[in-house]
Amino acid sequence: MTPTTVLDFVNVFFAGMLAGIEFVIHYGLRGPSEILDEQSQLQFRQALVLRLRVLVPAFFVPAAVLGIALTVLNSAAPGFGFRCAGVVAILTWILIRVMAPSLSTVPRSPGSPARHKELEGV
């Protein structure tokens, strides 16, 4: 196996772990967390966000860096368009997840009103 093939497998691992994390968060935790009362749900989401701030970048940074590097290294190989599409997809995901966080996941004190409730009067 060539070094680029090994890096391809490593990249697939990181991208797969990232996809698994997203799947579990959106389809495994969203439903059960909605059963909790508002105070417990807020505490649960805050704890989850604090822990995922370390875990998720540990997977998306290597996936993005390896994806870009492998796209450049294998630019002459078949599938270059698919590699470019994959890099665009992961960079779009990073932009959405990092640069535009949802108002519901921004940590706030449990006693303060939700941001969307503050904006209702505007």
PDB file of N, CA and C in Angstrom:
ATOM      1  N   MET A   1       0.831  -1.180   0.000  1.00  0.00           N
ATOM      2  CA  MET A   1       0.000   0.000   0.000  1.00  0.00           C
ATOM      3  C   MET A   1       0.880   1.250   0.000  1.00  0.00           C
ATOM      4  N   THR A   2       0.463   2.223  -0.761  1.00  0.00           N
ATOM      5  CA  THR A   2       1.218   3.473  -0.824  1.00  0.00           C
ATOM      6  C   THR A   2       0.844   4.365   0.359  1.00  0.00           C
ATOM      7  N   PRO A   3       1.684   5.313   0.693  1.00  0.00           N
ATOM      8  CA  PRO A   3       1.353   6.226   1.801  1.00  0.00           C
ATOM      9  C   PRO A   3       0.054   7.001   1.572  1.00  0.00           C
ATOM     10  N   THR A   4      -0.243   7.369   0.342  1.00  0.00           N
ATOM     11  CA  THR A   4      -1.496   8.101   0.108  1.00  0.00           C
ATOM     12  C   THR A   4      -2.717   7.208   0.329  1.00  0.00           C
ATOM     13  N   THR A   5      -2.581   5.923   0.051  1.00  0.00           N
ATOM     14  CA  THR A   5      -3.686   4.997   0.313  1.00  0.00           C
ATOM     15  C   THR A   5      -3.931   4.874   1.815  1.00  0.00           C
ATOM     16  N   VAL A   6      -2.859   4.796   2.583  1.00  0.00           N
ATOM     17  CA  VAL A   6      -2.993   4.735   4.040  1.00  0.00           C
ATOM     18  C   VAL A   6      -3.655   6.014   4.550  1.00  0.00           C
ATOM     19  N   LEU A   7      -3.234   7.163   4.022  1.00  0.00           N
ATOM     20  CA  LEU A   7      -3.844   8.430   4.428  1.00  0.00           C
ATOM     21  C   LEU A   7      -5.316   8.503   4.008  1.00  0.00           C
ATOM     22  N   ASP A   8      -5.649   7.894   2.871  1.00  0.00           N
ATOM     23  CA  ASP A   8      -7.052   7.816   2.461  1.00  0.00           C
ATOM     24  C   ASP A   8      -7.881   7.068   3.499  1.00  0.00           C
ATOM     25  N   PHE A   9      -7.364   5.946   3.978  1.00  0.00           N
ATOM     26  CA  PHE A   9      -8.085   5.178   4.989  1.00  0.00           C
ATOM     27  C   PHE A   9      -8.205   5.938   6.307  1.00  0.00           C
ATOM     28  N   VAL A  10      -7.150   6.633   6.679  1.00  0.00           N
ATOM     29  CA  VAL A  10      -7.195   7.444   7.900  1.00  0.00           C
ATOM     30  C   VAL A  10      -8.239   8.549   7.754  1.00  0.00           C
ATOM     31  N   ASN A  11      -8.282   9.161   6.580  1.00  0.00           N
ATOM     32  CA  ASN A  11      -9.258  10.214   6.329  1.00  0.00           C
ATOM     33  C   ASN A  11     -10.681   9.672   6.383  1.00  0.00           C
ATOM     34  N   VAL A  12     -10.892   8.506   5.802  1.00  0.00           N
ATOM     35  CA  VAL A  12     -12.221   7.880   5.856  1.00  0.00           C
ATOM     36  C   VAL A  12     -12.603   7.577   7.307  1.00  0.00           C
ATOM     37  N   PHE A  13     -11.638   7.155   8.118  1.00  0.00           N
ATOM     38  CA  PHE A  13     -11.915   6.907   9.532  1.00  0.00           C
ATOM     39  C   PHE A  13     -12.403   8.171  10.232  1.00  0.00           C
ATOM     40  N   PHE A  14     -11.656   9.267  10.079  1.00  0.00           N
ATOM     41  CA  PHE A  14     -12.048  10.508  10.754  1.00  0.00           C
ATOM     42  C   PHE A  14     -13.385  11.036  10.233  1.00  0.00           C
ATOM     43  N   ALA A  15     -13.598  10.979   8.939  1.00  0.00           N
ATOM     44  CA  ALA A  15     -14.870  11.437   8.379  1.00  0.00           C
ATOM     45  C   ALA A  15     -16.020  10.547   8.839  1.00  0.00           C
ATOM     46  N   GLY A  16     -15.784   9.250   8.917  1.00  0.00           N
ATOM     47  CA  GLY A  16     -16.819   8.333   9.404  1.00  0.00           C
ATOM     48  C   GLY A  16     -17.158   8.546  10.864  1.00  0.00           C
ATOM     49  N   MET A  17     -16.142   8.784  11.674  1.00  0.00           N
ATOM     50  CA  MET A  17     -16.397   9.070  13.095  1.00  0.00           C
ATOM     51  C   MET A  17     -17.181  10.371  13.242  1.00  0.00           C
ATOM     52  N   LEU A  18     -16.843  11.358  12.452  1.00  0.00           N
ATOM     53  CA  LEU A  18     -17.554  12.624  12.482  1.00  0.00           C
ATOM     54  C   LEU A  18     -19.018  12.439  12.073  1.00  0.00           C
ATOM     55  N   ALA A  19     -19.250  11.662  11.035  1.00  0.00           N
ATOM     56  CA  ALA A  19     -20.621  11.376  10.604  1.00  0.00           C
ATOM     57  C   ALA A  19     -21.381  10.609  11.684  1.00  0.00           C
ATOM     58  N   GLY A  20     -20.712   9.686  12.345  1.00  0.00           N
ATOM     59  CA  GLY A  20     -21.354   8.942  13.427  1.00  0.00           C
ATOM     60  C   GLY A  20     -21.724   9.830  14.601  1.00  0.00           C
ATOM     61  N   ILE A  21     -20.842  10.750  14.950  1.00  0.00           N
ATOM     62  CA  ILE A  21     -21.131  11.692  16.043  1.00  0.00           C
ATOM     63  C   ILE A  21     -22.354  12.529  15.690  1.00  0.00           C
ATOM     64  N   GLU A  22     -22.394  13.045  14.481  1.00  0.00           N
ATOM     65  CA  GLU A  22     -23.534  13.853  14.041  1.00  0.00           C
ATOM     66  C   GLU A  22     -24.827  13.035  14.061  1.00  0.00           C
ATOM     67  N   PHE A  23     -24.760  11.809  13.595  1.00  0.00           N
ATOM     68  CA  PHE A  23     -25.945  10.952  13.556  1.00  0.00           C
ATOM     69  C   PHE A  23     -26.479  10.697  14.961  1.00  0.00           C
ATOM     70  N   VAL A  24     -25.592  10.365  15.887  1.00  0.00           N
ATOM     71  CA  VAL A  24     -26.012  10.082  17.258  1.00  0.00           C
ATOM     72  C   VAL A  24     -26.605  11.323  17.910  1.00  0.00           C
ATOM     73  N   ILE A  25     -25.998  12.469  17.698  1.00  0.00           N
ATOM     74  CA  ILE A  25     -26.500  13.694  18.313  1.00  0.00           C
ATOM     75  C   ILE A  25     -27.881  14.042  17.776  1.00  0.00           C
ATOM     76  N   HIS A  26     -28.056  13.979  16.459  1.00  0.00           N
ATOM     77  CA  HIS A  26     -29.315  14.421  15.875  1.00  0.00           C
ATOM     78  C   HIS A  26     -30.442  13.410  15.981  1.00  0.00           C
ATOM     79  N   TYR A  27     -30.132  12.121  15.884  1.00  0.00           N
ATOM     80  CA  TYR A  27     -31.187  11.129  15.889  1.00  0.00           C
ATOM     81  C   TYR A  27     -31.240  10.292  17.157  1.00  0.00           C
ATOM     82  N   GLY A  28     -30.170  10.264  17.925  1.00  0.00           N
ATOM     83  CA  GLY A  28     -30.162   9.463  19.140  1.00  0.00           C
ATOM     84  C   GLY A  28     -30.429  10.258  20.403  1.00  0.00           C
ATOM     85  N   LEU A  29     -30.012  11.519  20.420  1.00  0.00           N
ATOM     86  CA  LEU A  29     -30.151  12.315  21.640  1.00  0.00           C
ATOM     87  C   LEU A  29     -31.258  13.347  21.586  1.00  0.00           C
ATOM     88  N   ARG A  30     -31.661  13.778  20.419  1.00  0.00           N
ATOM     89  CA  ARG A  30     -32.648  14.839  20.313  1.00  0.00           C
ATOM     90  C   ARG A  30     -33.999  14.410  20.885  1.00  0.00           C
ATOM     91  N   GLY A  31     -34.497  13.254  20.506  1.00  0.00           N
ATOM     92  CA  GLY A  31     -35.799  12.787  20.986  1.00  0.00           C
ATOM     93  C   GLY A  31     -35.859  12.601  22.491  1.00  0.00           C
ATOM     94  N   PRO A  32     -34.938  11.808  23.058  1.00  0.00           N
ATOM     95  CA  PRO A  32     -34.974  11.616  24.507  1.00  0.00           C
ATOM     96  C   PRO A  32     -34.767  12.906  25.300  1.00  0.00           C
ATOM     97  N   SER A  33     -33.979  13.832  24.785  1.00  0.00           N
ATOM     98  CA  SER A  33     -33.748  15.066  25.531  1.00  0.00           C
ATOM     99  C   SER A  33     -34.992  15.944  25.559  1.00  0.00           C
ATOM    100  N   GLU A  34     -35.884  15.805  24.577  1.00  0.00           N
ATOM    101  CA  GLU A  34     -37.104  16.612  24.548  1.00  0.00           C
ATOM    102  C   GLU A  34     -38.123  16.160  25.584  1.00  0.00           C
ATOM    103  N   ILE A  35     -37.936  14.984  26.153  1.00  0.00           N
ATOM    104  CA  ILE A  35     -38.832  14.490  27.195  1.00  0.00           C
ATOM    105  C   ILE A  35     -38.572  15.210  28.513  1.00  0.00           C
ATOM    106  N   LEU A  36     -37.342  15.665  28.717  1.00  0.00           N
ATOM    107  CA  LEU A  36     -36.967  16.335  29.961  1.00  0.00           C
ATOM    108  C   LEU A  36     -37.681  17.668  30.104  1.00  0.00           C
ATOM    109  N   ASP A  37     -37.845  18.111  31.356  1.00  0.00           N
ATOM    110  CA  ASP A  37     -38.407  19.437  31.574  1.00  0.00           C
ATOM    111  C   ASP A  37     -37.395  20.477  31.092  1.00  0.00           C
ATOM    112  N   GLU A  38     -37.829  21.737  30.985  1.00  0.00           N
ATOM    113  CA  GLU A  38     -37.000  22.772  30.370  1.00  0.00           C
ATOM    114  C   GLU A  38     -35.665  22.959  31.081  1.00  0.00           C
ATOM    115  N   GLN A  39     -35.687  22.979  32.410  1.00  0.00           N
ATOM    116  CA  GLN A  39     -34.461  23.190  33.183  1.00  0.00           C
ATOM    117  C   GLN A  39     -33.473  22.037  32.980  1.00  0.00           C
ATOM    118  N   SER A  40     -33.950  20.809  33.057  1.00  0.00           N
ATOM    119  CA  SER A  40     -33.082  19.646  32.869  1.00  0.00           C
ATOM    120  C   SER A  40     -32.566  19.562  31.440  1.00  0.00           C
ATOM    121  N   GLN A  41     -33.429  19.898  30.494  1.00  0.00           N
ATOM    122  CA  GLN A  41     -33.013  19.867  29.094  1.00  0.00           C
ATOM    123  C   GLN A  41     -31.916  20.897  28.834  1.00  0.00           C
ATOM    124  N   LEU A  42     -32.039  22.062  29.427  1.00  0.00           N
ATOM    125  CA  LEU A  42     -31.021  23.096  29.266  1.00  0.00           C
ATOM    126  C   LEU A  42     -29.687  22.651  29.859  1.00  0.00           C
ATOM    127  N   GLN A  43     -29.727  22.061  31.041  1.00  0.00           N
ATOM    128  CA  GLN A  43     -28.500  21.580  31.671  1.00  0.00           C
ATOM    129  C   GLN A  43     -27.877  20.450  30.854  1.00  0.00           C
ATOM    130  N   PHE A  44     -28.706  19.563  30.330  1.00  0.00           N
ATOM    131  CA  PHE A  44     -28.217  18.470  29.500  1.00  0.00           C
ATOM    132  C   PHE A  44     -27.530  19.003  28.246  1.00  0.00           C
ATOM    133  N   ARG A  45     -28.170  19.948  27.562  1.00  0.00           N
ATOM    134  CA  ARG A  45     -27.605  20.505  26.336  1.00  0.00           C
ATOM    135  C   ARG A  45     -26.313  21.266  26.602  1.00  0.00           C
ATOM    136  N   GLN A  46     -26.266  22.005  27.708  1.00  0.00           N
ATOM    137  CA  GLN A  46     -25.048  22.730  28.046  1.00  0.00           C
ATOM    138  C   GLN A  46     -23.893  21.773  28.311  1.00  0.00           C
ATOM    139  N   ALA A  47     -24.159  20.710  29.064  1.00  0.00           N
ATOM    140  CA  ALA A  47     -23.113  19.724  29.351  1.00  0.00           C
ATOM    141  C   ALA A  47     -22.651  19.041  28.064  1.00  0.00           C
ATOM    142  N   LEU A  48     -23.586  18.746  27.180  1.00  0.00           N
ATOM    143  CA  LEU A  48     -23.249  18.111  25.911  1.00  0.00           C
ATOM    144  C   LEU A  48     -22.393  19.026  25.042  1.00  0.00           C
ATOM    145  N   VAL A  49     -22.768  20.282  24.957  1.00  0.00           N
ATOM    146  CA  VAL A  49     -22.006  21.239  24.144  1.00  0.00           C
ATOM    147  C   VAL A  49     -20.600  21.408  24.695  1.00  0.00           C
ATOM    148  N   LEU A  50     -20.463  21.484  26.008  1.00  0.00           N
ATOM    149  CA  LEU A  50     -19.136  21.655  26.597  1.00  0.00           C
ATOM    150  C   LEU A  50     -18.221  20.474  26.293  1.00  0.00           C
ATOM    151  N   ARG A  51     -18.769  19.267  26.303  1.00  0.00           N
ATOM    152  CA  ARG A  51     -17.952  18.089  26.019  1.00  0.00           C
ATOM    153  C   ARG A  51     -17.659  17.938  24.527  1.00  0.00           C
ATOM    154  N   LEU A  52     -18.612  18.309  23.703  1.00  0.00           N
ATOM    155  CA  LEU A  52     -18.415  18.163  22.259  1.00  0.00           C
ATOM    156  C   LEU A  52     -17.492  19.231  21.688  1.00  0.00           C
ATOM    157  N   ARG A  53     -17.252  20.302  22.431  1.00  0.00           N
ATOM    158  CA  ARG A  53     -16.316  21.330  21.968  1.00  0.00           C
ATOM    159  C   ARG A  53     -14.904  20.778  21.836  1.00  0.00           C
ATOM    160  N   VAL A  54     -14.601  19.717  22.551  1.00  0.00           N
ATOM    161  CA  VAL A  54     -13.288  19.084  22.463  1.00  0.00           C
ATOM    162  C   VAL A  54     -13.340  17.896  21.504  1.00  0.00           C
ATOM    163  N   LEU A  55     -14.372  17.081  21.612  1.00  0.00           N
ATOM    164  CA  LEU A  55     -14.449  15.840  20.839  1.00  0.00           C
ATOM    165  C   LEU A  55     -14.611  16.075  19.336  1.00  0.00           C
ATOM    166  N   VAL A  56     -15.532  16.927  18.958  1.00  0.00           N
ATOM    167  CA  VAL A  56     -15.819  17.119  17.535  1.00  0.00           C
ATOM    168  C   VAL A  56     -14.627  17.710  16.777  1.00  0.00           C
ATOM    169  N   PRO A  57     -13.955  18.766  17.283  1.00  0.00           N
ATOM    170  CA  PRO A  57     -12.778  19.252  16.554  1.00  0.00           C
ATOM    171  C   PRO A  57     -11.659  18.219  16.445  1.00  0.00           C
ATOM    172  N   ALA A  58     -11.594  17.293  17.397  1.00  0.00           N
ATOM    173  CA  ALA A  58     -10.573  16.248  17.326  1.00  0.00           C
ATOM    174  C   ALA A  58     -10.790  15.346  16.109  1.00  0.00           C
ATOM    175  N   PHE A  59     -11.997  15.347  15.556  1.00  0.00           N
ATOM    176  CA  PHE A  59     -12.274  14.550  14.363  1.00  0.00           C
ATOM    177  C   PHE A  59     -12.389  15.403  13.107  1.00  0.00           C
ATOM    178  N   PHE A  60     -12.974  16.615  13.202  1.00  0.00           N
ATOM    179  CA  PHE A  60     -13.149  17.360  11.966  1.00  0.00           C
ATOM    180  C   PHE A  60     -11.886  18.064  11.487  1.00  0.00           C
ATOM    181  N   VAL A  61     -10.984  18.419  12.378  1.00  0.00           N
ATOM    182  CA  VAL A  61      -9.731  19.046  11.935  1.00  0.00           C
ATOM    183  C   VAL A  61      -8.894  18.061  11.118  1.00  0.00           C
ATOM    184  N   PRO A  62      -8.635  16.841  11.622  1.00  0.00           N
ATOM    185  CA  PRO A  62      -7.870  15.903  10.785  1.00  0.00           C
ATOM    186  C   PRO A  62      -8.599  15.533   9.491  1.00  0.00           C
ATOM    187  N   ALA A  63      -9.924  15.406   9.553  1.00  0.00           N
ATOM    188  CA  ALA A  63     -10.666  15.067   8.337  1.00  0.00           C
ATOM    189  C   ALA A  63     -10.541  16.169   7.298  1.00  0.00           C
ATOM    190  N   ALA A  64     -10.642  17.413   7.723  1.00  0.00           N
ATOM    191  CA  ALA A  64     -10.536  18.527   6.769  1.00  0.00           C
ATOM    192  C   ALA A  64      -9.115  18.676   6.240  1.00  0.00           C
ATOM    193  N   VAL A  65      -8.131  18.619   7.134  1.00  0.00           N
ATOM    194  CA  VAL A  65      -6.733  18.786   6.704  1.00  0.00           C
ATOM    195  C   VAL A  65      -6.315  17.649   5.775  1.00  0.00           C
ATOM    196  N   LEU A  66      -6.626  16.416   6.161  1.00  0.00           N
ATOM    197  CA  LEU A  66      -6.284  15.282   5.298  1.00  0.00           C
ATOM    198  C   LEU A  66      -7.041  15.335   3.974  1.00  0.00           C
ATOM    199  N   GLY A  67      -8.315  15.746   4.030  1.00  0.00           N
ATOM    200  CA  GLY A  67      -9.098  15.849   2.800  1.00  0.00           C
ATOM    201  C   GLY A  67      -8.492  16.840   1.823  1.00  0.00           C
ATOM    202  N   ILE A  68      -8.090  17.993   2.325  1.00  0.00           N
ATOM    203  CA  ILE A  68      -7.466  18.995   1.464  1.00  0.00           C
ATOM    204  C   ILE A  68      -6.124  18.487   0.942  1.00  0.00           C
ATOM    205  N   ALA A  69      -5.311  17.934   1.841  1.00  0.00           N
ATOM    206  CA  ALA A  69      -3.985  17.447   1.435  1.00  0.00           C
ATOM    207  C   ALA A  69      -4.095  16.330   0.411  1.00  0.00           C
ATOM    208  N   LEU A  70      -4.997  15.395   0.633  1.00  0.00           N
ATOM    209  CA  LEU A  70      -5.137  14.277  -0.306  1.00  0.00           C
ATOM    210  C   LEU A  70      -5.725  14.722  -1.636  1.00  0.00           C
ATOM    211  N   THR A  71      -6.572  15.721  -1.616  1.00  0.00           N
ATOM    212  CA  THR A  71      -7.109  16.253  -2.866  1.00  0.00           C
ATOM    213  C   THR A  71      -5.997  16.887  -3.694  1.00  0.00           C
ATOM    214  N   VAL A  72      -5.114  17.615  -3.025  1.00  0.00           N
ATOM    215  CA  VAL A  72      -3.992  18.229  -3.736  1.00  0.00           C
ATOM    216  C   VAL A  72      -3.008  17.157  -4.228  1.00  0.00           C
ATOM    217  N   LEU A  73      -2.690  16.192  -3.358  1.00  0.00           N
ATOM    218  CA  LEU A  73      -1.735  15.145  -3.740  1.00  0.00           C
ATOM    219  C   LEU A  73      -2.242  14.257  -4.865  1.00  0.00           C
ATOM    220  N   ASN A  74      -3.539  13.980  -4.869  1.00  0.00           N
ATOM    221  CA  ASN A  74      -4.116  13.071  -5.865  1.00  0.00           C
ATOM    222  C   ASN A  74      -4.897  13.821  -6.933  1.00  0.00           C
ATOM    223  N   SER A  75      -4.452  15.011  -7.291  1.00  0.00           N
ATOM    224  CA  SER A  75      -5.203  15.816  -8.262  1.00  0.00           C
ATOM    225  C   SER A  75      -5.237  15.182  -9.655  1.00  0.00           C
ATOM    226  N   ALA A  76      -4.257  14.374  -9.971  1.00  0.00           N
ATOM    227  CA  ALA A  76      -4.223  13.732 -11.285  1.00  0.00           C
ATOM    228  C   ALA A  76      -4.928  12.377 -11.285  1.00  0.00           C
ATOM    229  N   ALA A  77      -5.285  11.864 -10.122  1.00  0.00           N
ATOM    230  CA  ALA A  77      -5.906  10.543 -10.027  1.00  0.00           C
ATOM    231  C   ALA A  77      -7.398  10.621 -10.363  1.00  0.00           C
ATOM    232  N   PRO A  78      -7.977   9.486 -10.776  1.00  0.00           N
ATOM    233  CA  PRO A  78      -9.418   9.480 -11.031  1.00  0.00           C
ATOM    234  C   PRO A  78     -10.188   9.796  -9.741  1.00  0.00           C
ATOM    235  N   GLY A  79     -11.306  10.462  -9.870  1.00  0.00           N
ATOM    236  CA  GLY A  79     -12.118  10.804  -8.712  1.00  0.00           C
ATOM    237  C   GLY A  79     -11.797  12.158  -8.111  1.00  0.00           C
ATOM    238  N   PHE A  80     -11.066  12.972  -8.844  1.00  0.00           N
ATOM    239  CA  PHE A  80     -10.691  14.294  -8.331  1.00  0.00           C
ATOM    240  C   PHE A  80     -11.926  15.141  -8.039  1.00  0.00           C
ATOM    241  N   GLY A  81     -12.927  15.046  -8.888  1.00  0.00           N
ATOM    242  CA  GLY A  81     -14.168  15.804  -8.666  1.00  0.00           C
ATOM    243  C   GLY A  81     -14.861  15.394  -7.387  1.00  0.00           C
ATOM    244  N   PHE A  82     -14.846  14.082  -7.096  1.00  0.00           N
ATOM    245  CA  PHE A  82     -15.466  13.601  -5.859  1.00  0.00           C
ATOM    246  C   PHE A  82     -14.688  14.079  -4.634  1.00  0.00           C
ATOM    247  N   ARG A  83     -13.378  14.110  -4.747  1.00  0.00           N
ATOM    248  CA  ARG A  83     -12.560  14.621  -3.640  1.00  0.00           C
ATOM    249  C   ARG A  83     -12.852  16.102  -3.390  1.00  0.00           C
ATOM    250  N   CYS A  84     -12.955  16.865  -4.467  1.00  0.00           N
ATOM    251  CA  CYS A  84     -13.274  18.288  -4.330  1.00  0.00           C
ATOM    252  C   CYS A  84     -14.654  18.469  -3.690  1.00  0.00           C
ATOM    253  N   ALA A  85     -15.611  17.663  -4.104  1.00  0.00           N
ATOM    254  CA  ALA A  85     -16.957  17.743  -3.523  1.00  0.00           C
ATOM    255  C   ALA A  85     -16.921  17.391  -2.034  1.00  0.00           C
ATOM    256  N   GLY A  86     -16.115  16.398  -1.674  1.00  0.00           N
ATOM    257  CA  GLY A  86     -15.982  16.032  -0.266  1.00  0.00           C
ATOM    258  C   GLY A  86     -15.358  17.131   0.563  1.00  0.00           C
ATOM    259  N   VAL A  87     -14.340  17.782   0.027  1.00  0.00           N
ATOM    260  CA  VAL A  87     -13.694  18.892   0.744  1.00  0.00           C
ATOM    261  C   VAL A  87     -14.670  20.054   0.908  1.00  0.00           C
ATOM    262  N   VAL A  88     -15.409  20.367  -0.157  1.00  0.00           N
ATOM    263  CA  VAL A  88     -16.412  21.440  -0.064  1.00  0.00           C
ATOM    264  C   VAL A  88     -17.470  21.085   0.974  1.00  0.00           C
ATOM    265  N   ALA A  89     -17.890  19.822   1.005  1.00  0.00           N
ATOM    266  CA  ALA A  89     -18.911  19.401   1.968  1.00  0.00           C
ATOM    267  C   ALA A  89     -18.415  19.536   3.409  1.00  0.00           C
ATOM    268  N   ILE A  90     -17.201  19.098   3.685  1.00  0.00           N
ATOM    269  CA  ILE A  90     -16.718  19.177   5.064  1.00  0.00           C
ATOM    270  C   ILE A  90     -16.425  20.624   5.466  1.00  0.00           C
ATOM    271  N   LEU A  91     -15.945  21.438   4.538  1.00  0.00           N
ATOM    272  CA  LEU A  91     -15.723  22.842   4.859  1.00  0.00           C
ATOM    273  C   LEU A  91     -17.049  23.575   5.079  1.00  0.00           C
ATOM    274  N   THR A  92     -18.078  23.211   4.328  1.00  0.00           N
ATOM    275  CA  THR A  92     -19.412  23.776   4.553  1.00  0.00           C
ATOM    276  C   THR A  92     -19.936  23.357   5.912  1.00  0.00           C
ATOM    277  N   TRP A  93     -19.759  22.100   6.269  1.00  0.00           N
ATOM    278  CA  TRP A  93     -20.199  21.613   7.573  1.00  0.00           C
ATOM    279  C   TRP A  93     -19.486  22.376   8.689  1.00  0.00           C
ATOM    280  N   ILE A  94     -18.177  22.573   8.550  1.00  0.00           N
ATOM    281  CA  ILE A  94     -17.417  23.305   9.561  1.00  0.00           C
ATOM    282  C   ILE A  94     -17.932  24.736   9.665  1.00  0.00           C
ATOM    283  N   LEU A  95     -18.187  25.363   8.541  1.00  0.00           N
ATOM    284  CA  LEU A  95     -18.695  26.733   8.546  1.00  0.00           C
ATOM    285  C   LEU A  95     -20.033  26.818   9.270  1.00  0.00           C
ATOM    286  N   ILE A  96     -20.912  25.883   8.985  1.00  0.00           N
ATOM    287  CA  ILE A  96     -22.227  25.894   9.629  1.00  0.00           C
ATOM    288  C   ILE A  96     -22.115  25.596  11.120  1.00  0.00           C
ATOM    289  N   ARG A  97     -21.335  24.607  11.494  1.00  0.00           N
ATOM    290  CA  ARG A  97     -21.240  24.188  12.888  1.00  0.00           C
ATOM    291  C   ARG A  97     -20.422  25.131  13.766  1.00  0.00           C
ATOM    292  N   VAL A  98     -19.393  25.721  13.216  1.00  0.00           N
ATOM    293  CA  VAL A  98     -18.490  26.531  14.030  1.00  0.00           C
ATOM    294  C   VAL A  98     -18.856  28.009  13.973  1.00  0.00           C
ATOM    295  N   MET A  99     -19.143  28.499  12.795  1.00  0.00           N
ATOM    296  CA  MET A  99     -19.346  29.929  12.633  1.00  0.00           C
ATOM    297  C   MET A  99     -20.776  30.382  12.935  1.00  0.00           C
ATOM    298  N   ALA A 100     -21.739  29.505  12.831  1.00  0.00           N
ATOM    299  CA  ALA A 100     -23.130  29.894  13.047  1.00  0.00           C
ATOM    300  C   ALA A 100     -23.806  28.943  14.033  1.00  0.00           C
ATOM    301  N   PRO A 101     -23.421  28.988  15.314  1.00  0.00           N
ATOM    302  CA  PRO A 101     -24.044  28.070  16.268  1.00  0.00           C
ATOM    303  C   PRO A 101     -25.518  28.401  16.492  1.00  0.00           C
ATOM    304  N   SER A 102     -26.271  27.378  16.747  1.00  0.00           N
ATOM    305  CA  SER A 102     -27.698  27.541  17.016  1.00  0.00           C
ATOM    306  C   SER A 102     -27.893  28.288  18.326  1.00  0.00           C
ATOM    307  N   LEU A 103     -28.916  29.124  18.389  1.00  0.00           N
ATOM    308  CA  LEU A 103     -29.191  29.867  19.618  1.00  0.00           C
ATOM    309  C   LEU A 103     -29.533  28.938  20.779  1.00  0.00           C
ATOM    310  N   SER A 104     -30.070  27.765  20.450  1.00  0.00           N
ATOM    311  CA  SER A 104     -30.458  26.844  21.518  1.00  0.00           C
ATOM    312  C   SER A 104     -29.261  26.154  22.166  1.00  0.00           C
ATOM    313  N   THR A 105     -28.086  26.190  21.541  1.00  0.00           N
ATOM    314  CA  THR A 105     -26.939  25.498  22.118  1.00  0.00           C
ATOM    315  C   THR A 105     -25.920  26.447  22.730  1.00  0.00           C
ATOM    316  N   VAL A 106     -26.149  27.750  22.643  1.00  0.00           N
ATOM    317  CA  VAL A 106     -25.227  28.696  23.245  1.00  0.00           C
ATOM    318  C   VAL A 106     -25.403  28.630  24.752  1.00  0.00           C
ATOM    319  N   PRO A 107     -24.346  28.307  25.502  1.00  0.00           N
ATOM    320  CA  PRO A 107     -24.483  28.200  26.950  1.00  0.00           C
ATOM    321  C   PRO A 107     -24.949  29.516  27.568  1.00  0.00           C
ATOM    322  N   ARG A 108     -25.901  29.394  28.470  1.00  0.00           N
ATOM    323  CA  ARG A 108     -26.402  30.535  29.223  1.00  0.00           C
ATOM    324  C   ARG A 108     -26.758  30.043  30.611  1.00  0.00           C
ATOM    325  N   SER A 109     -27.006  30.949  31.508  1.00  0.00           N
ATOM    326  CA  SER A 109     -27.350  30.531  32.862  1.00  0.00           C
ATOM    327  C   SER A 109     -28.745  29.932  32.869  1.00  0.00           C
ATOM    328  N   PRO A 110     -28.983  28.895  33.669  1.00  0.00           N
ATOM    329  CA  PRO A 110     -30.273  28.213  33.656  1.00  0.00           C
ATOM    330  C   PRO A 110     -31.452  29.108  34.029  1.00  0.00           C
ATOM    331  N   GLY A 111     -31.230  30.158  34.802  1.00  0.00           N
ATOM    332  CA  GLY A 111     -32.338  31.001  35.222  1.00  0.00           C
ATOM    333  C   GLY A 111     -32.700  32.084  34.224  1.00  0.00           C
ATOM    334  N   SER A 112     -31.848  32.358  33.256  1.00  0.00           N
ATOM    335  CA  SER A 112     -32.113  33.441  32.313  1.00  0.00           C
ATOM    336  C   SER A 112     -33.041  32.964  31.199  1.00  0.00           C
ATOM    337  N   PRO A 113     -33.839  33.889  30.632  1.00  0.00           N
ATOM    338  CA  PRO A 113     -34.756  33.483  29.566  1.00  0.00           C
ATOM    339  C   PRO A 113     -33.989  33.137  28.294  1.00  0.00           C
ATOM    340  N   ALA A 114     -34.618  32.332  27.479  1.00  0.00           N
ATOM    341  CA  ALA A 114     -33.999  31.949  26.211  1.00  0.00           C
ATOM    342  C   ALA A 114     -33.874  33.171  25.317  1.00  0.00           C
ATOM    343  N   ARG A 115     -32.870  33.183  24.476  1.00  0.00           N
ATOM    344  CA  ARG A 115     -32.611  34.331  23.599  1.00  0.00           C
ATOM    345  C   ARG A 115     -33.793  34.593  22.678  1.00  0.00           C
ATOM    346  N   HIS A 116     -34.421  33.545  22.153  1.00  0.00           N
ATOM    347  CA  HIS A 116     -35.542  33.752  21.254  1.00  0.00           C
ATOM    348  C   HIS A 116     -36.741  34.362  21.962  1.00  0.00           C
ATOM    349  N   LYS A 117     -36.856  34.120  23.279  1.00  0.00           N
ATOM    350  CA  LYS A 117     -37.944  34.730  24.049  1.00  0.00           C
ATOM    351  C   LYS A 117     -37.660  36.218  24.248  1.00  0.00           C
ATOM    352  N   GLU A 118     -36.397  36.587  24.374  1.00  0.00           N
ATOM    353  CA  GLU A 118     -36.037  37.988  24.517  1.00  0.00           C
ATOM    354  C   GLU A 118     -36.346  38.760  23.254  1.00  0.00           C
ATOM    355  N   LEU A 119     -36.216  38.123  22.103  1.00  0.00           N
ATOM    356  CA  LEU A 119     -36.402  38.790  20.828  1.00  0.00           C
ATOM    357  C   LEU A 119     -37.868  38.872  20.397  1.00  0.00           C
ATOM    358  N   GLU A 120     -38.777  38.161  21.093  1.00  0.00           N
ATOM    359  CA  GLU A 120     -40.172  38.166  20.706  1.00  0.00           C
ATOM    360  C   GLU A 120     -40.803  39.546  20.803  1.00  0.00           C
ATOM    361  N   GLY A 121     -40.371  40.338  21.773  1.00  0.00           N
ATOM    362  CA  GLY A 121     -40.946  41.663  21.963  1.00  0.00           C
ATOM    363  C   GLY A 121     -40.455  42.676  20.946  1.00  0.00           C
ATOM    364  N   VAL A 122     -39.419  42.344  20.198  1.00  0.00           N
ATOM    365  CA  VAL A 122     -38.812  43.282  19.242  1.00  0.00           C
ATOM    366  C   VAL A 122     -39.625  43.334  17.968  1.00  0.00           C
TER     367      VAL A 122
END
